[in-house]
Amino acid sequence: MEPRLSYVIGRLDRVLRRRLSAAVEPAGLTLPAYTALSVLRAQDGLSNARLARRSLVTPQSMSEVLSVLVEQGYVRRSASPGHGRVIRIELTKAGSRALERCDRAVDDVEREMLADLDAGEAAGLRDALIRCGRTLERNGAERAGILKSANEKDDAA
């Protein structure tokens, strides 16, 4: 009997997380910290909540990650212009350098993972996984809206 696809993806996720964690550890980073720095490289100046969402962790976990990254000098926090209560998180030059060191190690792990696939298969896999994630996110948001509507109706009754 073939294993369920969700099991195969989950197993890959666990193995990949272990390997990536080991790859970024020599730079003094955890995998969530590396992910946060990568997200900031793509879009600097995010709030804690947005950075957490894009890094796939809770805002509370992101606060812990950011405390360490600030202490390491890899990010800085500053008040958002016009929104004094919103704190922007920005990547520093030291953070960019740490990220570049880790990128090489992460590239090695990804090359190893995809070694048995040709370029077309690797691109197809990436595209398929992105579409699967978007579908689940979209359907989850729609379900949440349906559940919210149903709960609101129940509350009104």
C-alpha atoms as a PDB file:
ATOM      1  CA  MET A   1       0.000   0.000   0.000  1.00  0.00           C
ATOM      2  CA  GLU A   2       1.306   3.454  -0.957  1.00  0.00           C
ATOM      3  CA  PRO A   3       1.751   5.949   1.897  1.00  0.00           C
ATOM      4  CA  ARG A   4      -0.628   8.891   1.945  1.00  0.00           C
ATOM      5  CA  LEU A   5       0.716  11.985   0.202  1.00  0.00           C
ATOM      6  CA  SER A   6       0.177  14.027   3.377  1.00  0.00           C
ATOM      7  CA  TYR A   7       2.401  11.535   5.248  1.00  0.00           C
ATOM      8  CA  VAL A   8       5.128  11.761   2.581  1.00  0.00           C
ATOM      9  CA  ILE A   9       5.052  15.578   2.682  1.00  0.00           C
ATOM     10  CA  GLY A  10       5.071  15.594   6.493  1.00  0.00           C
ATOM     11  CA  ARG A  11       8.030  13.220   6.599  1.00  0.00           C
ATOM     12  CA  LEU A  12       9.924  15.360   4.095  1.00  0.00           C
ATOM     13  CA  ASP A  13       9.111  18.432   6.191  1.00  0.00           C
ATOM     14  CA  ARG A  14      10.581  16.853   9.333  1.00  0.00           C
ATOM     15  CA  VAL A  15      13.752  15.646   7.585  1.00  0.00           C
ATOM     16  CA  LEU A  16      14.186  18.948   5.761  1.00  0.00           C
ATOM     17  CA  ARG A  17      13.726  20.984   8.955  1.00  0.00           C
ATOM     18  CA  ARG A  18      16.403  18.932  10.723  1.00  0.00           C
ATOM     19  CA  ARG A  19      18.835  19.326   7.828  1.00  0.00           C
ATOM     20  CA  LEU A  20      18.161  23.053   7.400  1.00  0.00           C
ATOM     21  CA  SER A  21      18.476  23.654  11.144  1.00  0.00           C
ATOM     22  CA  ALA A  22      21.876  21.959  11.076  1.00  0.00           C
ATOM     23  CA  ALA A  23      22.852  24.038   8.019  1.00  0.00           C
ATOM     24  CA  VAL A  24      22.114  27.425   9.622  1.00  0.00           C
ATOM     25  CA  GLU A  25      23.298  26.584  13.145  1.00  0.00           C
ATOM     26  CA  PRO A  26      27.005  27.345  12.472  1.00  0.00           C
ATOM     27  CA  ALA A  27      25.985  30.974  11.784  1.00  0.00           C
ATOM     28  CA  GLY A  28      24.307  31.118  15.211  1.00  0.00           C
ATOM     29  CA  LEU A  29      20.798  31.006  13.751  1.00  0.00           C
ATOM     30  CA  THR A  30      17.775  28.828  14.279  1.00  0.00           C
ATOM     31  CA  LEU A  31      15.602  27.858  11.345  1.00  0.00           C
ATOM     32  CA  PRO A  32      12.846  30.324  12.380  1.00  0.00           C
ATOM     33  CA  ALA A  33      15.481  33.092  12.631  1.00  0.00           C
ATOM     34  CA  TYR A  34      16.865  32.248   9.182  1.00  0.00           C
ATOM     35  CA  THR A  35      13.323  32.244   7.790  1.00  0.00           C
ATOM     36  CA  ALA A  36      12.589  35.633   9.370  1.00  0.00           C
ATOM     37  CA  LEU A  37      15.780  37.127   7.917  1.00  0.00           C
ATOM     38  CA  SER A  38      14.886  35.687   4.492  1.00  0.00           C
ATOM     39  CA  VAL A  39      11.417  37.205   4.672  1.00  0.00           C
ATOM     40  CA  LEU A  40      12.879  40.586   5.668  1.00  0.00           C
ATOM     41  CA  ARG A  41      15.299  40.439   2.738  1.00  0.00           C
ATOM     42  CA  ALA A  42      12.286  40.103   0.430  1.00  0.00           C
ATOM     43  CA  GLN A  43      10.203  42.735   2.241  1.00  0.00           C
ATOM     44  CA  ASP A  44      11.949  44.875   4.829  1.00  0.00           C
ATOM     45  CA  GLY A  45      10.067  46.906   7.414  1.00  0.00           C
ATOM     46  CA  LEU A  46       7.337  44.442   8.358  1.00  0.00           C
ATOM     47  CA  SER A  47       5.544  44.482  11.688  1.00  0.00           C
ATOM     48  CA  ASN A  48       5.981  41.576  14.114  1.00  0.00           C
ATOM     49  CA  ALA A  49       2.567  40.149  13.194  1.00  0.00           C
ATOM     50  CA  ARG A  50       3.173  40.270   9.430  1.00  0.00           C
ATOM     51  CA  LEU A  51       6.672  38.878   9.793  1.00  0.00           C
ATOM     52  CA  ALA A  52       5.316  36.044  11.958  1.00  0.00           C
ATOM     53  CA  ARG A  53       2.593  35.226   9.414  1.00  0.00           C
ATOM     54  CA  ARG A  54       5.058  35.176   6.521  1.00  0.00           C
ATOM     55  CA  SER A  55       7.575  33.145   8.562  1.00  0.00           C
ATOM     56  CA  LEU A  56       4.900  30.577   9.505  1.00  0.00           C
ATOM     57  CA  VAL A  57       5.176  31.070  13.269  1.00  0.00           C
ATOM     58  CA  THR A  58       2.989  32.682  15.916  1.00  0.00           C
ATOM     59  CA  PRO A  59       3.507  36.344  16.858  1.00  0.00           C
ATOM     60  CA  GLN A  60       4.658  35.183  20.320  1.00  0.00           C
ATOM     61  CA  SER A  61       7.300  32.895  18.788  1.00  0.00           C
ATOM     62  CA  MET A  62       8.394  35.677  16.451  1.00  0.00           C
ATOM     63  CA  SER A  63       8.879  38.018  19.428  1.00  0.00           C
ATOM     64  CA  GLU A  64      11.297  35.494  20.924  1.00  0.00           C
ATOM     65  CA  VAL A  65      13.134  35.072  17.603  1.00  0.00           C
ATOM     66  CA  LEU A  66      13.380  38.843  17.164  1.00  0.00           C
ATOM     67  CA  SER A  67      14.799  39.366  20.648  1.00  0.00           C
ATOM     68  CA  VAL A  68      17.735  37.129  19.725  1.00  0.00           C
ATOM     69  CA  LEU A  69      18.141  38.695  16.266  1.00  0.00           C
ATOM     70  CA  VAL A  70      18.202  42.207  17.770  1.00  0.00           C
ATOM     71  CA  GLU A  71      20.773  41.072  20.339  1.00  0.00           C
ATOM     72  CA  GLN A  72      22.914  39.602  17.520  1.00  0.00           C
ATOM     73  CA  GLY A  73      22.627  42.873  15.594  1.00  0.00           C
ATOM     74  CA  TYR A  74      20.922  41.174  12.626  1.00  0.00           C
ATOM     75  CA  VAL A  75      17.720  43.251  12.783  1.00  0.00           C
ATOM     76  CA  ARG A  76      16.650  46.563  14.274  1.00  0.00           C
ATOM     77  CA  ARG A  77      13.271  47.753  15.440  1.00  0.00           C
ATOM     78  CA  SER A  78      11.959  51.235  14.810  1.00  0.00           C
ATOM     79  CA  ALA A  79       8.644  53.033  15.137  1.00  0.00           C
ATOM     80  CA  SER A  80       6.684  53.152  11.917  1.00  0.00           C
ATOM     81  CA  PRO A  81       6.322  56.697  10.553  1.00  0.00           C
ATOM     82  CA  GLY A  82       2.753  57.832  11.162  1.00  0.00           C
ATOM     83  CA  HIS A  83       1.961  54.811  13.356  1.00  0.00           C
ATOM     84  CA  GLY A  84       3.926  55.214  16.564  1.00  0.00           C
ATOM     85  CA  ARG A  85       2.494  52.017  18.020  1.00  0.00           C
ATOM     86  CA  VAL A  86       3.531  49.888  15.011  1.00  0.00           C
ATOM     87  CA  ILE A  87       7.126  48.695  15.198  1.00  0.00           C
ATOM     88  CA  ARG A  88       8.926  48.021  11.926  1.00  0.00           C
ATOM     89  CA  ILE A  89      11.575  45.336  11.764  1.00  0.00           C
ATOM     90  CA  GLU A  90      14.485  45.954   9.414  1.00  0.00           C
ATOM     91  CA  LEU A  91      17.376  43.777   8.297  1.00  0.00           C
ATOM     92  CA  THR A  92      20.836  45.162   9.132  1.00  0.00           C
ATOM     93  CA  LYS A  93      24.017  44.745   7.083  1.00  0.00           C
ATOM     94  CA  ALA A  94      25.211  42.176   9.628  1.00  0.00           C
ATOM     95  CA  GLY A  95      21.910  40.324   9.163  1.00  0.00           C
ATOM     96  CA  SER A  96      22.372  40.351   5.392  1.00  0.00           C
ATOM     97  CA  ARG A  97      25.868  38.903   5.736  1.00  0.00           C
ATOM     98  CA  ALA A  98      24.645  36.144   8.096  1.00  0.00           C
ATOM     99  CA  LEU A  99      21.845  35.384   5.670  1.00  0.00           C
ATOM    100  CA  GLU A 100      24.252  35.104   2.746  1.00  0.00           C
ATOM    101  CA  ARG A 101      26.444  32.639   4.690  1.00  0.00           C
ATOM    102  CA  CYS A 102      23.394  30.525   5.482  1.00  0.00           C
ATOM    103  CA  ASP A 103      22.042  30.727   1.928  1.00  0.00           C
ATOM    104  CA  ARG A 104      25.041  28.759   0.644  1.00  0.00           C
ATOM    105  CA  ALA A 105      24.439  25.984   3.190  1.00  0.00           C
ATOM    106  CA  VAL A 106      20.689  25.951   2.473  1.00  0.00           C
ATOM    107  CA  ASP A 107      21.414  25.800  -1.277  1.00  0.00           C
ATOM    108  CA  ASP A 108      23.562  22.710  -0.634  1.00  0.00           C
ATOM    109  CA  VAL A 109      20.709  20.985   1.240  1.00  0.00           C
ATOM    110  CA  GLU A 110      18.239  21.842  -1.533  1.00  0.00           C
ATOM    111  CA  ARG A 111      20.639  20.597  -4.246  1.00  0.00           C
ATOM    112  CA  GLU A 112      21.026  17.335  -2.359  1.00  0.00           C
ATOM    113  CA  MET A 113      17.259  16.969  -1.913  1.00  0.00           C
ATOM    114  CA  LEU A 114      16.613  17.546  -5.630  1.00  0.00           C
ATOM    115  CA  ALA A 115      19.628  15.575  -6.919  1.00  0.00           C
ATOM    116  CA  ASP A 116      17.477  12.799  -8.426  1.00  0.00           C
ATOM    117  CA  LEU A 117      15.208  15.260 -10.274  1.00  0.00           C
ATOM    118  CA  ASP A 118      15.968  17.056 -13.521  1.00  0.00           C
ATOM    119  CA  ALA A 119      15.414  20.825 -13.757  1.00  0.00           C
ATOM    120  CA  GLY A 120      11.915  20.410 -15.210  1.00  0.00           C
ATOM    121  CA  GLU A 121      10.851  17.979 -12.490  1.00  0.00           C
ATOM    122  CA  ALA A 122      12.217  20.274  -9.770  1.00  0.00           C
ATOM    123  CA  ALA A 123      10.374  23.285 -11.245  1.00  0.00           C
ATOM    124  CA  GLY A 124       7.189  21.227 -11.593  1.00  0.00           C
ATOM    125  CA  LEU A 125       7.435  20.049  -7.996  1.00  0.00           C
ATOM    126  CA  ARG A 126       7.924  23.618  -6.762  1.00  0.00           C
ATOM    127  CA  ASP A 127       4.931  24.848  -8.784  1.00  0.00           C
ATOM    128  CA  ALA A 128       2.706  21.962  -7.660  1.00  0.00           C
ATOM    129  CA  LEU A 129       3.553  22.474  -3.982  1.00  0.00           C
ATOM    130  CA  ILE A 130       2.923  26.218  -4.247  1.00  0.00           C
ATOM    131  CA  ARG A 131      -0.490  25.587  -5.839  1.00  0.00           C
ATOM    132  CA  CYS A 132      -1.366  22.992  -3.178  1.00  0.00           C
ATOM    133  CA  GLY A 133      -0.457  25.433  -0.386  1.00  0.00           C
ATOM    134  CA  ARG A 134      -2.459  28.260  -1.954  1.00  0.00           C
ATOM    135  CA  THR A 135      -5.484  26.009  -2.386  1.00  0.00           C
ATOM    136  CA  LEU A 136      -5.434  24.897   1.238  1.00  0.00           C
ATOM    137  CA  GLU A 137      -4.952  28.487   2.436  1.00  0.00           C
ATOM    138  CA  ARG A 138      -7.762  29.785   0.230  1.00  0.00           C
ATOM    139  CA  ASN A 139     -10.133  26.990   1.229  1.00  0.00           C
ATOM    140  CA  GLY A 140      -9.203  27.412   4.886  1.00  0.00           C
ATOM    141  CA  ALA A 141      -9.990  31.131   4.705  1.00  0.00           C
ATOM    142  CA  GLU A 142     -13.300  30.381   2.988  1.00  0.00           C
ATOM    143  CA  ARG A 143     -14.172  27.756   5.617  1.00  0.00           C
ATOM    144  CA  ALA A 144     -13.275  30.196   8.386  1.00  0.00           C
ATOM    145  CA  GLY A 145     -15.655  32.709   6.796  1.00  0.00           C
ATOM    146  CA  ILE A 146     -18.385  30.082   6.574  1.00  0.00           C
ATOM    147  CA  LEU A 147     -17.854  29.051  10.180  1.00  0.00           C
ATOM    148  CA  LYS A 148     -17.854  32.688  11.280  1.00  0.00           C
ATOM    149  CA  SER A 149     -21.134  33.313   9.438  1.00  0.00           C
ATOM    150  CA  ALA A 150     -22.702  30.186  10.942  1.00  0.00           C
ATOM    151  CA  ASN A 151     -21.561  31.165  14.443  1.00  0.00           C
ATOM    152  CA  GLU A 152     -22.893  34.697  13.999  1.00  0.00           C
ATOM    153  CA  LYS A 153     -26.266  33.267  12.929  1.00  0.00           C
ATOM    154  CA  ASP A 154     -26.262  30.946  15.964  1.00  0.00           C
ATOM    155  CA  ASP A 155     -25.469  33.885  18.242  1.00  0.00           C
ATOM    156  CA  ALA A 156     -28.327  35.919  16.758  1.00  0.00           C
ATOM    157  CA  ALA A 157     -30.839  33.103  17.265  1.00  0.00           C
END
